[in-house]
Amino acid sequence: MRDELIKSAKAGPLRAGKNNLIKHLEGHRITRNQAISAKCYDCNGMGELGTCEITTCALWPFSPYRTKS
């Protein structure tokens, strides 16, 4: 399963969080901010969706994909 996630992440577009997600899945340590951007990249369909509208998410205030208000 981990190999499939790595393959999917590597195939996704180059956007905020992509490299952090790959590093995490490969077993490397990442910082808290890197973990947030990696999770947002993952949740955002590996960077495919563009912006995040899930304002109820605990990570939304820190997401690189949130809509600016």
N, C-alpha and C. Protein backbone atom coordinates (compact mmCIF):
# COMPACT_ATOMS: atom_id res chain seq x y z
N MET A 1 0.82 -1.19 0.00
CA MET A 1 0.00 0.00 0.00
C MET A 1 0.86 1.26 0.00
N ARG A 2 1.91 1.27 0.81
CA ARG A 2 2.80 2.44 0.87
C ARG A 2 3.43 2.69 -0.49
N ASP A 3 3.83 1.65 -1.18
CA ASP A 3 4.42 1.81 -2.51
C ASP A 3 3.43 2.43 -3.48
N GLU A 4 2.16 2.06 -3.37
CA GLU A 4 1.13 2.64 -4.24
C GLU A 4 0.94 4.13 -3.94
N LEU A 5 0.99 4.50 -2.66
CA LEU A 5 0.86 5.90 -2.30
C LEU A 5 2.04 6.73 -2.81
N ILE A 6 3.24 6.18 -2.69
CA ILE A 6 4.43 6.87 -3.19
C ILE A 6 4.32 7.06 -4.69
N LYS A 7 3.90 6.01 -5.39
CA LYS A 7 3.76 6.08 -6.84
C LYS A 7 2.71 7.13 -7.23
N SER A 8 1.60 7.17 -6.51
CA SER A 8 0.55 8.13 -6.78
C SER A 8 1.03 9.56 -6.51
N ALA A 9 1.74 9.76 -5.41
CA ALA A 9 2.26 11.09 -5.08
C ALA A 9 3.26 11.55 -6.13
N LYS A 10 4.13 10.68 -6.56
CA LYS A 10 5.14 11.05 -7.57
C LYS A 10 4.49 11.38 -8.91
N ALA A 11 3.36 10.77 -9.20
CA ALA A 11 2.67 11.02 -10.46
C ALA A 11 1.84 12.30 -10.43
N GLY A 12 1.57 12.82 -9.24
CA GLY A 12 0.75 14.03 -9.09
C GLY A 12 1.50 15.27 -9.55
N PRO A 13 0.77 16.35 -9.75
CA PRO A 13 1.38 17.60 -10.19
C PRO A 13 2.28 18.19 -9.11
N LEU A 14 3.27 18.95 -9.51
CA LEU A 14 4.17 19.59 -8.58
C LEU A 14 3.47 20.78 -7.94
N ARG A 15 3.05 20.59 -6.71
CA ARG A 15 2.36 21.63 -5.94
C ARG A 15 2.87 21.56 -4.51
N ALA A 16 2.46 22.53 -3.72
CA ALA A 16 2.88 22.59 -2.31
C ALA A 16 2.55 21.28 -1.60
N GLY A 17 3.53 20.72 -0.93
CA GLY A 17 3.33 19.51 -0.14
C GLY A 17 3.74 18.22 -0.82
N LYS A 18 3.90 18.22 -2.12
CA LYS A 18 4.22 16.98 -2.85
C LYS A 18 5.51 16.35 -2.34
N ASN A 19 6.58 17.10 -2.34
CA ASN A 19 7.87 16.54 -1.92
C ASN A 19 7.87 16.15 -0.45
N ASN A 20 7.13 16.90 0.37
CA ASN A 20 7.03 16.56 1.79
C ASN A 20 6.29 15.24 1.99
N LEU A 21 5.24 15.01 1.23
CA LEU A 21 4.50 13.75 1.32
C LEU A 21 5.38 12.59 0.89
N ILE A 22 6.10 12.75 -0.17
CA ILE A 22 6.99 11.69 -0.64
C ILE A 22 8.06 11.38 0.40
N LYS A 23 8.67 12.42 0.97
CA LYS A 23 9.68 12.22 2.02
C LYS A 23 9.09 11.42 3.18
N HIS A 24 7.89 11.81 3.62
CA HIS A 24 7.24 11.11 4.74
C HIS A 24 6.97 9.65 4.40
N LEU A 25 6.43 9.41 3.23
CA LEU A 25 6.10 8.03 2.84
C LEU A 25 7.35 7.17 2.67
N GLU A 26 8.46 7.80 2.36
CA GLU A 26 9.72 7.06 2.23
C GLU A 26 10.41 6.85 3.58
N GLY A 27 9.79 7.36 4.66
CA GLY A 27 10.31 7.11 6.00
C GLY A 27 11.22 8.19 6.56
N HIS A 28 11.32 9.32 5.89
CA HIS A 28 12.15 10.41 6.37
C HIS A 28 11.38 11.26 7.38
N ARG A 29 12.09 11.91 8.27
CA ARG A 29 11.47 12.82 9.23
C ARG A 29 11.15 14.13 8.55
N ILE A 30 10.00 14.69 8.88
CA ILE A 30 9.62 15.99 8.36
C ILE A 30 9.11 16.86 9.51
N THR A 31 9.15 18.16 9.30
CA THR A 31 8.72 19.09 10.34
C THR A 31 7.19 19.14 10.41
N ARG A 32 6.70 19.82 11.43
CA ARG A 32 5.25 19.97 11.59
C ARG A 32 4.65 20.70 10.38
N ASN A 33 5.26 21.78 9.93
CA ASN A 33 4.73 22.52 8.78
C ASN A 33 4.79 21.68 7.50
N GLN A 34 5.85 20.89 7.36
CA GLN A 34 5.94 19.99 6.21
C GLN A 34 4.85 18.93 6.28
N ALA A 35 4.55 18.44 7.48
CA ALA A 35 3.49 17.43 7.65
C ALA A 35 2.13 18.01 7.28
N ILE A 36 1.89 19.25 7.66
CA ILE A 36 0.62 19.89 7.32
C ILE A 36 0.49 20.03 5.81
N SER A 37 1.52 20.52 5.14
CA SER A 37 1.42 20.68 3.69
C SER A 37 1.32 19.33 2.99
N ALA A 38 1.99 18.31 3.54
CA ALA A 38 1.91 16.96 2.95
C ALA A 38 0.49 16.41 3.07
N LYS A 39 -0.13 16.57 4.24
CA LYS A 39 -1.49 16.08 4.44
C LYS A 39 -2.47 16.82 3.53
N CYS A 40 -2.28 18.13 3.39
CA CYS A 40 -3.16 18.90 2.53
C CYS A 40 -3.00 18.47 1.06
N TYR A 41 -1.79 18.18 0.65
CA TYR A 41 -1.56 17.68 -0.71
C TYR A 41 -2.29 16.36 -0.92
N ASP A 42 -2.19 15.48 0.07
CA ASP A 42 -2.86 14.18 0.02
C ASP A 42 -4.38 14.35 -0.01
N CYS A 43 -4.91 15.15 0.88
CA CYS A 43 -6.35 15.36 0.98
C CYS A 43 -6.89 16.06 -0.27
N ASN A 44 -6.06 16.86 -0.91
CA ASN A 44 -6.45 17.64 -2.07
C ASN A 44 -6.34 16.82 -3.35
N GLY A 45 -6.41 15.51 -3.23
CA GLY A 45 -6.35 14.65 -4.42
C GLY A 45 -4.99 14.67 -5.08
N MET A 46 -3.95 14.63 -4.26
CA MET A 46 -2.57 14.71 -4.73
C MET A 46 -2.36 15.99 -5.54
N GLY A 47 -2.94 17.08 -5.05
CA GLY A 47 -2.74 18.39 -5.65
C GLY A 47 -3.63 18.70 -6.83
N GLU A 48 -4.59 17.84 -7.12
CA GLU A 48 -5.42 18.00 -8.32
C GLU A 48 -6.58 18.98 -8.17
N LEU A 49 -7.09 19.18 -6.95
CA LEU A 49 -8.32 19.94 -6.79
C LEU A 49 -8.15 21.45 -6.84
N GLY A 50 -6.98 21.95 -6.56
CA GLY A 50 -6.75 23.38 -6.63
C GLY A 50 -6.87 24.08 -5.31
N THR A 51 -8.08 24.37 -4.86
CA THR A 51 -8.26 25.05 -3.59
C THR A 51 -9.05 24.18 -2.62
N CYS A 52 -8.92 24.51 -1.35
CA CYS A 52 -9.62 23.77 -0.29
C CYS A 52 -10.75 24.63 0.24
N GLU A 53 -11.92 24.05 0.29
CA GLU A 53 -13.11 24.74 0.81
C GLU A 53 -13.57 24.15 2.14
N ILE A 54 -12.83 23.21 2.70
CA ILE A 54 -13.24 22.52 3.92
C ILE A 54 -12.81 23.35 5.14
N THR A 55 -13.58 24.38 5.42
CA THR A 55 -13.23 25.31 6.50
C THR A 55 -13.36 24.69 7.88
N THR A 56 -14.01 23.54 8.00
CA THR A 56 -14.15 22.87 9.28
C THR A 56 -12.94 21.98 9.60
N CYS A 57 -12.03 21.82 8.67
CA CYS A 57 -10.82 21.03 8.90
C CYS A 57 -9.91 21.76 9.87
N ALA A 58 -9.35 21.03 10.83
CA ALA A 58 -8.46 21.64 11.82
C ALA A 58 -7.20 22.21 11.18
N LEU A 59 -6.81 21.70 10.02
CA LEU A 59 -5.61 22.18 9.35
C LEU A 59 -5.88 23.32 8.37
N TRP A 60 -7.14 23.64 8.12
CA TRP A 60 -7.49 24.64 7.11
C TRP A 60 -6.78 25.98 7.30
N PRO A 61 -6.65 26.50 8.51
CA PRO A 61 -5.96 27.79 8.67
C PRO A 61 -4.50 27.75 8.20
N PHE A 62 -3.91 26.58 8.13
CA PHE A 62 -2.51 26.44 7.76
C PHE A 62 -2.31 25.88 6.35
N SER A 63 -3.39 25.52 5.70
CA SER A 63 -3.33 24.86 4.40
C SER A 63 -2.82 25.78 3.29
N PRO A 64 -1.91 25.28 2.46
CA PRO A 64 -1.47 26.06 1.30
C PRO A 64 -2.55 26.12 0.23
N TYR A 65 -3.62 25.37 0.37
CA TYR A 65 -4.69 25.29 -0.61
C TYR A 65 -5.95 26.05 -0.21
N ARG A 66 -5.95 26.66 0.98
CA ARG A 66 -7.16 27.35 1.44
C ARG A 66 -7.43 28.57 0.57
N THR A 67 -8.69 28.93 0.53
CA THR A 67 -9.06 30.16 -0.18
C THR A 67 -8.71 31.34 0.70
N LYS A 68 -8.16 32.34 0.11
CA LYS A 68 -7.78 33.53 0.87
C LYS A 68 -9.01 34.38 1.11
N SER A 69 -9.18 34.81 2.36
CA SER A 69 -10.35 35.66 2.65
C SER A 69 -9.92 36.93 3.33
